[in-house]
Every structure is written in structure tokens, then in C-alpha cells.
């Protein structure tokens, strides 16, 4: 039996988003980002402005930026 060495697991990225102030904001941002193909989990935290995204592979930052813009907020950058 041989082990596969090229197996890839989920990718976790943390983004900084400005303007989130409440649970509704968190839901709006999470909802838009979760529509990006490959995203399996999104957790937005208004108090820190951080959004943690788990996806099948690295996401295009422009796709994340567009999703955050669509929710009415601004992507400051990735951590």
C-alpha cells in the first residue's frame, strides 16, 4: 500500500472586512461569500472585522472582493 503525497485538503483564509457592525452584517457577508464556487464554510465576526473562509482550494481575491462589495462592505485585504 502506498500513500498519496499530492492529496490536497481544504484551504482556510482570513480576510479583513470593514463596515460590519452586527449579526445582520455578518450574515450578509457570509451569504455572498458562500456563493463563490468551492467555498464550504464562512464565518464572519463583526467585532473583529474578520471573515474566515474554508474552500476546496485558494480563492481568487477579486471574487471575494466582489462578493463583499455585493454585500455592501469593503474588503480591506487578506491576512
Foldseek 3Di string as FASTA:
>chain_A
DDDDPPDDAKDKWKWAWPDQDDPVLQVLLQVLVCPPPFWDDWGADRVRRMIITIGRDDDDVVSSQVSNVVSPIGTPGID
